[in-house]
């Protein structure tokens, strides 16, 4: 897999050049996934040419979650983060601000951002800061965010994580989440699907889907829930604007955050999110329809 769209950005345009990161330089493996390394390539739109790709790390992996992401800070330094799947990953920053025409980039290793990250996504937000939103461990773990105001040297976040669906006894409840900051960078819109991961005392009957009268799997995620995070105060609100208690568990989520009961229509991924002309979030979701092998867009 060249990249995983659930973690981003995979490219950044800086000083008239496009910097792109991806999984590449792969070798075949017995599991057919291939063992790849984090790579960087640049594109000059003026003369429409690519640079030679370079390795960002020497260690290869068949885990596509390890694919790199890239962003630029206020000093025009580039940052890359890779190797994140229930791990801290590797965070590199260019030793010097990046200027167009530089023959190569020298990197230095930064302190880890968090003990464990999965699906990291970085955005520029208010006050010339960056934030990273991520899952803190495996499927059933919480989702949270950290903010840096010193170009990635230090990171801090809310006292409590945003969601932790299995925290009140439903040990296998999990979510997949999509997010986008508001145009002024002061809020973060988050939409997520939920599902039973069925890992503790697994029982196939827990995968029964009454809409289709058959067993599904933990690949199928259901419903749609939404929260809006104030990145200045860390207050989390629902679609009605009510302040919420965090971390949000599955029962509290269903009662306060769910905006659509999909009636057992499911999908493997959360929806795409964007902002309309008024700055309000809109979602495009693909779900199963007549059966588990057919789909429809909503």
C-alpha atoms as a PDB file:
ATOM      1  CA  UNK A   1       0.000   0.000   0.000  1.00  0.00           C
ATOM      2  CA  UNK A   2       1.501   3.316  -1.104  1.00  0.00           C
ATOM      3  CA  UNK A   3      -0.300   5.291   1.612  1.00  0.00           C
ATOM      4  CA  UNK A   4      -3.106   5.033   4.148  1.00  0.00           C
ATOM      5  CA  UNK A   5      -5.686   7.802   3.677  1.00  0.00           C
ATOM      6  CA  UNK A   6      -6.707   7.521   7.332  1.00  0.00           C
ATOM      7  CA  UNK A   7      -3.466   9.279   8.283  1.00  0.00           C
ATOM      8  CA  UNK A   8      -2.388  12.486   6.610  1.00  0.00           C
ATOM      9  CA  UNK A   9      -1.147  14.693   5.045  1.00  0.00           C
ATOM     10  CA  UNK A  10       0.850  12.712   2.495  1.00  0.00           C
ATOM     11  CA  UNK A  11       2.081  15.840   0.734  1.00  0.00           C
ATOM     12  CA  UNK A  12       2.801  19.497   1.401  1.00  0.00           C
ATOM     13  CA  UNK A  13       3.463  22.408  -0.966  1.00  0.00           C
ATOM     14  CA  UNK A  14       6.284  24.598   0.328  1.00  0.00           C
ATOM     15  CA  UNK A  15       8.271  27.337  -1.417  1.00  0.00           C
ATOM     16  CA  UNK A  16       7.199  26.380  -4.943  1.00  0.00           C
ATOM     17  CA  UNK A  17       7.857  22.665  -4.547  1.00  0.00           C
ATOM     18  CA  UNK A  18       5.627  19.715  -3.658  1.00  0.00           C
ATOM     19  CA  UNK A  19       6.947  17.230  -1.090  1.00  0.00           C
ATOM     20  CA  UNK A  20       5.339  13.777  -1.181  1.00  0.00           C
ATOM     21  CA  UNK A  21       5.814  10.858   1.216  1.00  0.00           C
ATOM     22  CA  UNK A  22       4.752   7.269   0.670  1.00  0.00           C
ATOM     23  CA  UNK A  23       5.574   3.609   1.278  1.00  0.00           C
ATOM     24  CA  UNK A  24       7.972   2.375  -1.381  1.00  0.00           C
ATOM     25  CA  UNK A  25      11.155   0.537  -2.273  1.00  0.00           C
ATOM     26  CA  UNK A  26       9.209  -2.608  -1.415  1.00  0.00           C
ATOM     27  CA  UNK A  27      10.337  -6.231  -1.488  1.00  0.00           C
ATOM     28  CA  UNK A  28       8.016  -9.262  -1.818  1.00  0.00           C
ATOM     29  CA  UNK A  29       7.061 -11.109   1.369  1.00  0.00           C
ATOM     30  CA  UNK A  30       5.426 -14.443   2.109  1.00  0.00           C
ATOM     31  CA  UNK A  31       2.251 -12.710   3.321  1.00  0.00           C
ATOM     32  CA  UNK A  32       1.966 -10.963  -0.088  1.00  0.00           C
ATOM     33  CA  UNK A  33       1.858  -7.528   1.561  1.00  0.00           C
ATOM     34  CA  UNK A  34       5.386  -6.574   0.657  1.00  0.00           C
ATOM     35  CA  UNK A  35       7.940  -4.987   2.954  1.00  0.00           C
ATOM     36  CA  UNK A  36       8.264  -1.259   2.268  1.00  0.00           C
ATOM     37  CA  UNK A  37      10.200   1.733   3.561  1.00  0.00           C
ATOM     38  CA  UNK A  38       9.114   5.336   4.149  1.00  0.00           C
ATOM     39  CA  UNK A  39      10.086   7.394   1.116  1.00  0.00           C
ATOM     40  CA  UNK A  40      10.207  11.047   0.054  1.00  0.00           C
ATOM     41  CA  UNK A  41       9.991  12.437  -3.465  1.00  0.00           C
ATOM     42  CA  UNK A  42       9.603  16.057  -4.589  1.00  0.00           C
ATOM     43  CA  UNK A  43       7.917  17.619  -7.598  1.00  0.00           C
ATOM     44  CA  UNK A  44       8.768  20.914  -9.278  1.00  0.00           C
ATOM     45  CA  UNK A  45       5.570  22.177 -10.969  1.00  0.00           C
ATOM     46  CA  UNK A  46       7.438  24.847 -12.921  1.00  0.00           C
ATOM     47  CA  UNK A  47       9.509  22.403 -14.974  1.00  0.00           C
ATOM     48  CA  UNK A  48       7.164  19.463 -14.286  1.00  0.00           C
ATOM     49  CA  UNK A  49       9.862  17.147 -12.995  1.00  0.00           C
ATOM     50  CA  UNK A  50      10.271  14.748 -10.073  1.00  0.00           C
ATOM     51  CA  UNK A  51      13.353  14.333  -7.946  1.00  0.00           C
ATOM     52  CA  UNK A  52      14.889  10.968  -7.243  1.00  0.00           C
ATOM     53  CA  UNK A  53      13.117   9.252  -4.318  1.00  0.00           C
ATOM     54  CA  UNK A  54      15.028   8.982  -1.051  1.00  0.00           C
ATOM     55  CA  UNK A  55      14.580   6.767   1.980  1.00  0.00           C
ATOM     56  CA  UNK A  56      13.455   8.412   5.199  1.00  0.00           C
ATOM     57  CA  UNK A  57      14.275   5.311   7.239  1.00  0.00           C
ATOM     58  CA  UNK A  58      16.242   2.128   6.705  1.00  0.00           C
ATOM     59  CA  UNK A  59      13.870  -0.260   8.470  1.00  0.00           C
ATOM     60  CA  UNK A  60      11.239  -1.883   6.258  1.00  0.00           C
ATOM     61  CA  UNK A  61       7.817  -3.169   7.311  1.00  0.00           C
ATOM     62  CA  UNK A  62       4.805  -4.950   5.808  1.00  0.00           C
ATOM     63  CA  UNK A  63       2.457  -2.903   8.044  1.00  0.00           C
ATOM     64  CA  UNK A  64       0.807  -0.261   5.852  1.00  0.00           C
ATOM     65  CA  UNK A  65      -0.044   1.740   8.989  1.00  0.00           C
ATOM     66  CA  UNK A  66       3.658   2.589   9.143  1.00  0.00           C
ATOM     67  CA  UNK A  67       3.339   4.807   6.070  1.00  0.00           C
ATOM     68  CA  UNK A  68       4.693   8.350   6.548  1.00  0.00           C
ATOM     69  CA  UNK A  69       2.953  11.694   6.834  1.00  0.00           C
ATOM     70  CA  UNK A  70       4.499  15.126   6.248  1.00  0.00           C
ATOM     71  CA  UNK A  71       3.856  18.733   7.262  1.00  0.00           C
ATOM     72  CA  UNK A  72       5.610  22.103   7.411  1.00  0.00           C
ATOM     73  CA  UNK A  73       5.911  24.354  10.453  1.00  0.00           C
ATOM     74  CA  UNK A  74       5.992  28.166  10.742  1.00  0.00           C
ATOM     75  CA  UNK A  75       9.766  28.208  10.239  1.00  0.00           C
ATOM     76  CA  UNK A  76       9.391  26.392   6.888  1.00  0.00           C
ATOM     77  CA  UNK A  77      10.970  23.278   8.319  1.00  0.00           C
ATOM     78  CA  UNK A  78       9.554  19.965   7.143  1.00  0.00           C
ATOM     79  CA  UNK A  79       8.409  17.266   9.553  1.00  0.00           C
ATOM     80  CA  UNK A  80       7.819  13.597   8.778  1.00  0.00           C
ATOM     81  CA  UNK A  81       6.305  10.965  11.037  1.00  0.00           C
ATOM     82  CA  UNK A  82       6.262   7.255  10.229  1.00  0.00           C
ATOM     83  CA  UNK A  83       6.143   3.822  11.853  1.00  0.00           C
ATOM     84  CA  UNK A  84       2.982   4.562  13.855  1.00  0.00           C
ATOM     85  CA  UNK A  85       0.734   1.619  14.771  1.00  0.00           C
ATOM     86  CA  UNK A  86       0.406   1.278  18.523  1.00  0.00           C
ATOM     87  CA  UNK A  87       3.942   2.690  18.604  1.00  0.00           C
ATOM     88  CA  UNK A  88       5.483   6.166  19.063  1.00  0.00           C
ATOM     89  CA  UNK A  89       6.864   6.022  15.533  1.00  0.00           C
ATOM     90  CA  UNK A  90       9.751   8.137  14.306  1.00  0.00           C
ATOM     91  CA  UNK A  91       9.458  11.942  14.121  1.00  0.00           C
ATOM     92  CA  UNK A  92      12.034  13.724  11.959  1.00  0.00           C
ATOM     93  CA  UNK A  93      12.467  17.424  11.201  1.00  0.00           C
ATOM     94  CA  UNK A  94      14.662  19.066   8.590  1.00  0.00           C
ATOM     95  CA  UNK A  95      17.791  20.539  10.153  1.00  0.00           C
ATOM     96  CA  UNK A  96      17.240  23.798   8.296  1.00  0.00           C
ATOM     97  CA  UNK A  97      14.268  25.641   6.785  1.00  0.00           C
ATOM     98  CA  UNK A  98      13.547  24.199   3.365  1.00  0.00           C
ATOM     99  CA  UNK A  99      14.029  26.415   0.329  1.00  0.00           C
ATOM    100  CA  UNK A 100      13.255  25.637  -3.285  1.00  0.00           C
ATOM    101  CA  UNK A 101      16.241  24.307  -5.160  1.00  0.00           C
ATOM    102  CA  UNK A 102      17.921  22.750  -2.124  1.00  0.00           C
ATOM    103  CA  UNK A 103      19.761  19.659  -3.440  1.00  0.00           C
ATOM    104  CA  UNK A 104      18.843  17.513  -0.453  1.00  0.00           C
ATOM    105  CA  UNK A 105      17.316  17.658   3.014  1.00  0.00           C
ATOM    106  CA  UNK A 106      19.201  16.715   6.157  1.00  0.00           C
ATOM    107  CA  UNK A 107      17.052  15.368   8.973  1.00  0.00           C
ATOM    108  CA  UNK A 108      17.326  15.173  12.722  1.00  0.00           C
ATOM    109  CA  UNK A 109      15.293  13.002  15.066  1.00  0.00           C
ATOM    110  CA  UNK A 110      12.810  14.686  17.388  1.00  0.00           C
ATOM    111  CA  UNK A 111      11.512  13.469  20.776  1.00  0.00           C
ATOM    112  CA  UNK A 112       8.505  11.172  20.553  1.00  0.00           C
ATOM    113  CA  UNK A 113       5.146  12.923  20.356  1.00  0.00           C
ATOM    114  CA  UNK A 114       3.253  10.339  22.421  1.00  0.00           C
ATOM    115  CA  UNK A 115       3.925   6.836  23.808  1.00  0.00           C
ATOM    116  CA  UNK A 116       1.678   5.239  21.182  1.00  0.00           C
ATOM    117  CA  UNK A 117       0.020   6.582  18.045  1.00  0.00           C
ATOM    118  CA  UNK A 118      -2.192   5.090  15.359  1.00  0.00           C
ATOM    119  CA  UNK A 119      -3.693   6.966  12.394  1.00  0.00           C
ATOM    120  CA  UNK A 120      -1.930  10.279  13.142  1.00  0.00           C
ATOM    121  CA  UNK A 121      -3.283  13.313  11.293  1.00  0.00           C
ATOM    122  CA  UNK A 122      -1.711  16.772  11.509  1.00  0.00           C
ATOM    123  CA  UNK A 123      -3.336  20.153  10.835  1.00  0.00           C
ATOM    124  CA  UNK A 124      -2.279  23.811  11.043  1.00  0.00           C
ATOM    125  CA  UNK A 125      -4.623  25.533  13.515  1.00  0.00           C
ATOM    126  CA  UNK A 126      -5.176  28.902  15.196  1.00  0.00           C
ATOM    127  CA  UNK A 127      -2.282  30.916  16.575  1.00  0.00           C
ATOM    128  CA  UNK A 128       0.259  29.415  14.165  1.00  0.00           C
ATOM    129  CA  UNK A 129       0.139  26.069  15.932  1.00  0.00           C
ATOM    130  CA  UNK A 130      -0.088  22.478  14.745  1.00  0.00           C
ATOM    131  CA  UNK A 131      -2.259  19.742  16.172  1.00  0.00           C
ATOM    132  CA  UNK A 132      -2.102  15.976  15.822  1.00  0.00           C
ATOM    133  CA  UNK A 133      -5.221  13.832  16.232  1.00  0.00           C
ATOM    134  CA  UNK A 134      -4.722  10.095  16.727  1.00  0.00           C
ATOM    135  CA  UNK A 135      -5.810   6.835  18.314  1.00  0.00           C
ATOM    136  CA  UNK A 136      -3.850   6.081  21.468  1.00  0.00           C
ATOM    137  CA  UNK A 137      -3.355   2.309  20.997  1.00  0.00           C
ATOM    138  CA  UNK A 138      -5.315  -0.565  19.412  1.00  0.00           C
ATOM    139  CA  UNK A 139      -8.872  -0.841  18.074  1.00  0.00           C
ATOM    140  CA  UNK A 140     -10.652  -0.312  21.388  1.00  0.00           C
ATOM    141  CA  UNK A 141      -8.419   2.468  22.686  1.00  0.00           C
ATOM    142  CA  UNK A 142      -9.267   6.150  23.005  1.00  0.00           C
ATOM    143  CA  UNK A 143      -8.873   8.968  20.471  1.00  0.00           C
ATOM    144  CA  UNK A 144      -7.333  12.295  21.439  1.00  0.00           C
ATOM    145  CA  UNK A 145      -5.159  15.151  20.205  1.00  0.00           C
ATOM    146  CA  UNK A 146      -2.076  17.174  21.089  1.00  0.00           C
ATOM    147  CA  UNK A 147      -1.086  20.719  20.127  1.00  0.00           C
ATOM    148  CA  UNK A 148       2.360  22.232  19.604  1.00  0.00           C
ATOM    149  CA  UNK A 149       3.141  25.937  19.695  1.00  0.00           C
ATOM    150  CA  UNK A 150       6.903  25.555  19.293  1.00  0.00           C
ATOM    151  CA  UNK A 151       7.170  23.759  15.958  1.00  0.00           C
ATOM    152  CA  UNK A 152       6.972  20.238  17.288  1.00  0.00           C
ATOM    153  CA  UNK A 153       9.438  20.451  20.145  1.00  0.00           C
ATOM    154  CA  UNK A 154       6.758  19.937  22.805  1.00  0.00           C
ATOM    155  CA  UNK A 155       3.114  18.812  22.662  1.00  0.00           C
ATOM    156  CA  UNK A 156       0.202  19.166  25.086  1.00  0.00           C
ATOM    157  CA  UNK A 157      -3.467  18.257  24.960  1.00  0.00           C
ATOM    158  CA  UNK A 158      -6.713  17.999  26.913  1.00  0.00           C
ATOM    159  CA  UNK A 159      -6.835  16.533  30.404  1.00  0.00           C
ATOM    160  CA  UNK A 160      -9.171  13.775  29.185  1.00  0.00           C
ATOM    161  CA  UNK A 161      -9.291  12.007  25.832  1.00  0.00           C
ATOM    162  CA  UNK A 162     -12.142  12.783  23.447  1.00  0.00           C
ATOM    163  CA  UNK A 163     -13.628   9.302  23.016  1.00  0.00           C
ATOM    164  CA  UNK A 164     -13.063   5.959  24.718  1.00  0.00           C
ATOM    165  CA  UNK A 165     -16.060   3.903  23.664  1.00  0.00           C
ATOM    166  CA  UNK A 166     -15.230   0.799  25.695  1.00  0.00           C
ATOM    167  CA  UNK A 167     -14.434   2.662  28.926  1.00  0.00           C
ATOM    168  CA  UNK A 168     -17.676   1.874  30.759  1.00  0.00           C
ATOM    169  CA  UNK A 169     -17.634  -1.916  30.532  1.00  0.00           C
ATOM    170  CA  UNK A 170     -18.319  -2.648  26.861  1.00  0.00           C
ATOM    171  CA  UNK A 171     -14.787  -3.898  26.416  1.00  0.00           C
ATOM    172  CA  UNK A 172     -14.753  -4.348  22.654  1.00  0.00           C
ATOM    173  CA  UNK A 173     -16.486  -1.209  21.457  1.00  0.00           C
ATOM    174  CA  UNK A 174     -14.398   0.714  18.941  1.00  0.00           C
ATOM    175  CA  UNK A 175     -14.599   3.540  16.421  1.00  0.00           C
ATOM    176  CA  UNK A 176     -13.018   4.894  13.262  1.00  0.00           C
ATOM    177  CA  UNK A 177     -12.847   8.658  13.000  1.00  0.00           C
ATOM    178  CA  UNK A 178     -12.511  11.382  10.370  1.00  0.00           C
ATOM    179  CA  UNK A 179     -11.793  15.003  11.199  1.00  0.00           C
ATOM    180  CA  UNK A 180     -11.261  18.461   9.734  1.00  0.00           C
ATOM    181  CA  UNK A 181     -10.476  21.824  11.379  1.00  0.00           C
ATOM    182  CA  UNK A 182     -12.711  24.862  11.008  1.00  0.00           C
ATOM    183  CA  UNK A 183     -11.583  27.564   8.589  1.00  0.00           C
ATOM    184  CA  UNK A 184     -10.227  29.694  11.447  1.00  0.00           C
ATOM    185  CA  UNK A 185      -8.476  26.703  13.023  1.00  0.00           C
ATOM    186  CA  UNK A 186     -10.203  27.182  16.367  1.00  0.00           C
ATOM    187  CA  UNK A 187     -12.393  24.082  16.225  1.00  0.00           C
ATOM    188  CA  UNK A 188     -12.098  20.493  15.073  1.00  0.00           C
ATOM    189  CA  UNK A 189     -15.040  18.652  13.515  1.00  0.00           C
ATOM    190  CA  UNK A 190     -14.943  14.897  14.198  1.00  0.00           C
ATOM    191  CA  UNK A 191     -17.292  12.266  12.771  1.00  0.00           C
ATOM    192  CA  UNK A 192     -17.043   8.568  13.601  1.00  0.00           C
ATOM    193  CA  UNK A 193     -18.572   5.145  13.089  1.00  0.00           C
ATOM    194  CA  UNK A 194     -18.793   2.503  15.826  1.00  0.00           C
ATOM    195  CA  UNK A 195     -18.558  -1.281  15.958  1.00  0.00           C
ATOM    196  CA  UNK A 196     -18.102  -4.309  18.214  1.00  0.00           C
ATOM    197  CA  UNK A 197     -14.533  -5.545  17.761  1.00  0.00           C
ATOM    198  CA  UNK A 198     -15.497  -8.908  19.327  1.00  0.00           C
ATOM    199  CA  UNK A 199     -12.021  -9.730  20.672  1.00  0.00           C
ATOM    200  CA  UNK A 200     -12.671 -10.445  24.370  1.00  0.00           C
ATOM    201  CA  UNK A 201     -14.449 -13.806  24.707  1.00  0.00           C
ATOM    202  CA  UNK A 202     -15.201 -13.752  20.972  1.00  0.00           C
ATOM    203  CA  UNK A 203     -18.564 -15.061  19.869  1.00  0.00           C
ATOM    204  CA  UNK A 204     -19.525 -15.190  16.151  1.00  0.00           C
ATOM    205  CA  UNK A 205     -23.133 -14.433  17.107  1.00  0.00           C
ATOM    206  CA  UNK A 206     -22.058 -10.921  18.052  1.00  0.00           C
ATOM    207  CA  UNK A 207     -21.409 -10.292  14.358  1.00  0.00           C
ATOM    208  CA  UNK A 208     -25.003 -11.081  13.419  1.00  0.00           C
ATOM    209  CA  UNK A 209     -26.493  -8.378  11.215  1.00  0.00           C
ATOM    210  CA  UNK A 210     -30.312  -8.419  11.440  1.00  0.00           C
ATOM    211  CA  UNK A 211     -30.761  -6.241   8.342  1.00  0.00           C
ATOM    212  CA  UNK A 212     -29.179  -8.895   6.135  1.00  0.00           C
ATOM    213  CA  UNK A 213     -29.909 -11.880   8.390  1.00  0.00           C
ATOM    214  CA  UNK A 214     -26.305 -13.079   8.336  1.00  0.00           C
ATOM    215  CA  UNK A 215     -23.003 -12.825  10.162  1.00  0.00           C
ATOM    216  CA  UNK A 216     -20.762  -9.908   9.222  1.00  0.00           C
ATOM    217  CA  UNK A 217     -17.364  -9.181  10.849  1.00  0.00           C
ATOM    218  CA  UNK A 218     -15.528  -6.426  12.664  1.00  0.00           C
ATOM    219  CA  UNK A 219     -14.798  -4.957   9.236  1.00  0.00           C
ATOM    220  CA  UNK A 220     -18.335  -3.531   9.293  1.00  0.00           C
ATOM    221  CA  UNK A 221     -18.815  -0.248  11.138  1.00  0.00           C
ATOM    222  CA  UNK A 222     -22.224   1.300  11.768  1.00  0.00           C
ATOM    223  CA  UNK A 223     -24.021   4.561  12.556  1.00  0.00           C
ATOM    224  CA  UNK A 224     -22.638   8.074  12.472  1.00  0.00           C
ATOM    225  CA  UNK A 225     -21.718  10.272  15.433  1.00  0.00           C
ATOM    226  CA  UNK A 226     -20.368  13.821  15.539  1.00  0.00           C
ATOM    227  CA  UNK A 227     -18.546  16.107  17.970  1.00  0.00           C
ATOM    228  CA  UNK A 228     -17.053  19.591  17.676  1.00  0.00           C
ATOM    229  CA  UNK A 229     -13.934  20.332  19.716  1.00  0.00           C
ATOM    230  CA  UNK A 230     -12.965  23.837  20.844  1.00  0.00           C
ATOM    231  CA  UNK A 231      -9.188  23.776  20.403  1.00  0.00           C
ATOM    232  CA  UNK A 232      -8.701  26.802  22.667  1.00  0.00           C
ATOM    233  CA  UNK A 233     -10.703  25.564  25.674  1.00  0.00           C
ATOM    234  CA  UNK A 234     -10.791  21.788  24.916  1.00  0.00           C
ATOM    235  CA  UNK A 235     -14.576  21.785  25.421  1.00  0.00           C
ATOM    236  CA  UNK A 236     -16.286  19.074  23.332  1.00  0.00           C
ATOM    237  CA  UNK A 237     -19.825  19.694  22.061  1.00  0.00           C
ATOM    238  CA  UNK A 238     -22.401  17.698  20.125  1.00  0.00           C
ATOM    239  CA  UNK A 239     -24.350  18.764  17.033  1.00  0.00           C
ATOM    240  CA  UNK A 240     -26.857  20.657  19.218  1.00  0.00           C
ATOM    241  CA  UNK A 241     -24.050  22.639  20.853  1.00  0.00           C
ATOM    242  CA  UNK A 242     -24.307  20.946  24.243  1.00  0.00           C
ATOM    243  CA  UNK A 243     -21.069  20.500  26.206  1.00  0.00           C
ATOM    244  CA  UNK A 244     -20.176  16.839  26.673  1.00  0.00           C
ATOM    245  CA  UNK A 245     -18.449  14.792  29.342  1.00  0.00           C
ATOM    246  CA  UNK A 246     -15.234  13.175  28.182  1.00  0.00           C
ATOM    247  CA  UNK A 247     -14.026  10.635  27.437  1.00  0.00           C
ATOM    248  CA  UNK A 248     -17.180   9.643  25.551  1.00  0.00           C
ATOM    249  CA  UNK A 249     -18.216   5.990  25.989  1.00  0.00           C
ATOM    250  CA  UNK A 250     -20.516   4.088  23.627  1.00  0.00           C
ATOM    251  CA  UNK A 251     -23.749   4.525  25.604  1.00  0.00           C
ATOM    252  CA  UNK A 252     -23.112   8.238  26.150  1.00  0.00           C
ATOM    253  CA  UNK A 253     -22.192   8.539  22.474  1.00  0.00           C
ATOM    254  CA  UNK A 254     -25.416   6.908  21.321  1.00  0.00           C
ATOM    255  CA  UNK A 255     -27.446   9.197  23.575  1.00  0.00           C
ATOM    256  CA  UNK A 256     -25.650  12.482  22.905  1.00  0.00           C
ATOM    257  CA  UNK A 257     -23.504  12.282  19.762  1.00  0.00           C
ATOM    258  CA  UNK A 258     -25.199   9.985  17.262  1.00  0.00           C
ATOM    259  CA  UNK A 259     -26.580  11.899  14.283  1.00  0.00           C
ATOM    260  CA  UNK A 260     -27.611   8.917  12.148  1.00  0.00           C
ATOM    261  CA  UNK A 261     -28.734   5.387  12.942  1.00  0.00           C
ATOM    262  CA  UNK A 262     -27.750   3.562   9.748  1.00  0.00           C
ATOM    263  CA  UNK A 263     -30.166   0.688  10.511  1.00  0.00           C
ATOM    264  CA  UNK A 264     -27.394  -1.906  10.229  1.00  0.00           C
ATOM    265  CA  UNK A 265     -26.063  -0.556   6.957  1.00  0.00           C
ATOM    266  CA  UNK A 266     -22.306  -0.762   7.366  1.00  0.00           C
ATOM    267  CA  UNK A 267     -18.981   0.245   5.902  1.00  0.00           C
ATOM    268  CA  UNK A 268     -15.324  -0.525   6.424  1.00  0.00           C
ATOM    269  CA  UNK A 269     -14.292   3.116   6.588  1.00  0.00           C
ATOM    270  CA  UNK A 270     -15.672   6.353   8.056  1.00  0.00           C
ATOM    271  CA  UNK A 271     -17.083   9.013   5.703  1.00  0.00           C
ATOM    272  CA  UNK A 272     -15.232  11.743   3.881  1.00  0.00           C
ATOM    273  CA  UNK A 273     -15.690  15.122   5.585  1.00  0.00           C
ATOM    274  CA  UNK A 274     -15.555  18.647   4.133  1.00  0.00           C
ATOM    275  CA  UNK A 275     -16.785  22.145   4.966  1.00  0.00           C
ATOM    276  CA  UNK A 276     -19.539  23.894   3.016  1.00  0.00           C
ATOM    277  CA  UNK A 277     -19.639  27.596   2.092  1.00  0.00           C
ATOM    278  CA  UNK A 278     -20.881  28.409   5.607  1.00  0.00           C
ATOM    279  CA  UNK A 279     -18.115  26.451   7.310  1.00  0.00           C
ATOM    280  CA  UNK A 280     -20.451  23.651   8.368  1.00  0.00           C
ATOM    281  CA  UNK A 281     -19.291  20.036   8.052  1.00  0.00           C
ATOM    282  CA  UNK A 282     -20.740  17.803   5.345  1.00  0.00           C
ATOM    283  CA  UNK A 283     -20.182  14.070   5.008  1.00  0.00           C
ATOM    284  CA  UNK A 284     -20.074  11.636   2.086  1.00  0.00           C
ATOM    285  CA  UNK A 285     -20.554   8.068   3.267  1.00  0.00           C
ATOM    286  CA  UNK A 286     -20.587   4.780   1.386  1.00  0.00           C
ATOM    287  CA  UNK A 287     -22.691   2.057   3.056  1.00  0.00           C
ATOM    288  CA  UNK A 288     -23.986  -1.408   2.280  1.00  0.00           C
ATOM    289  CA  UNK A 289     -27.490  -1.342   0.810  1.00  0.00           C
ATOM    290  CA  UNK A 290     -29.419  -4.324  -0.603  1.00  0.00           C
ATOM    291  CA  UNK A 291     -26.826  -6.768   0.749  1.00  0.00           C
ATOM    292  CA  UNK A 292     -23.305  -6.743   2.166  1.00  0.00           C
ATOM    293  CA  UNK A 293     -21.839  -6.815  -1.348  1.00  0.00           C
ATOM    294  CA  UNK A 294     -23.748  -3.838  -2.725  1.00  0.00           C
ATOM    295  CA  UNK A 295     -23.353  -0.207  -1.722  1.00  0.00           C
ATOM    296  CA  UNK A 296     -24.877   3.235  -1.933  1.00  0.00           C
ATOM    297  CA  UNK A 297     -23.527   6.735  -1.339  1.00  0.00           C
ATOM    298  CA  UNK A 298     -25.143   9.031   1.213  1.00  0.00           C
END
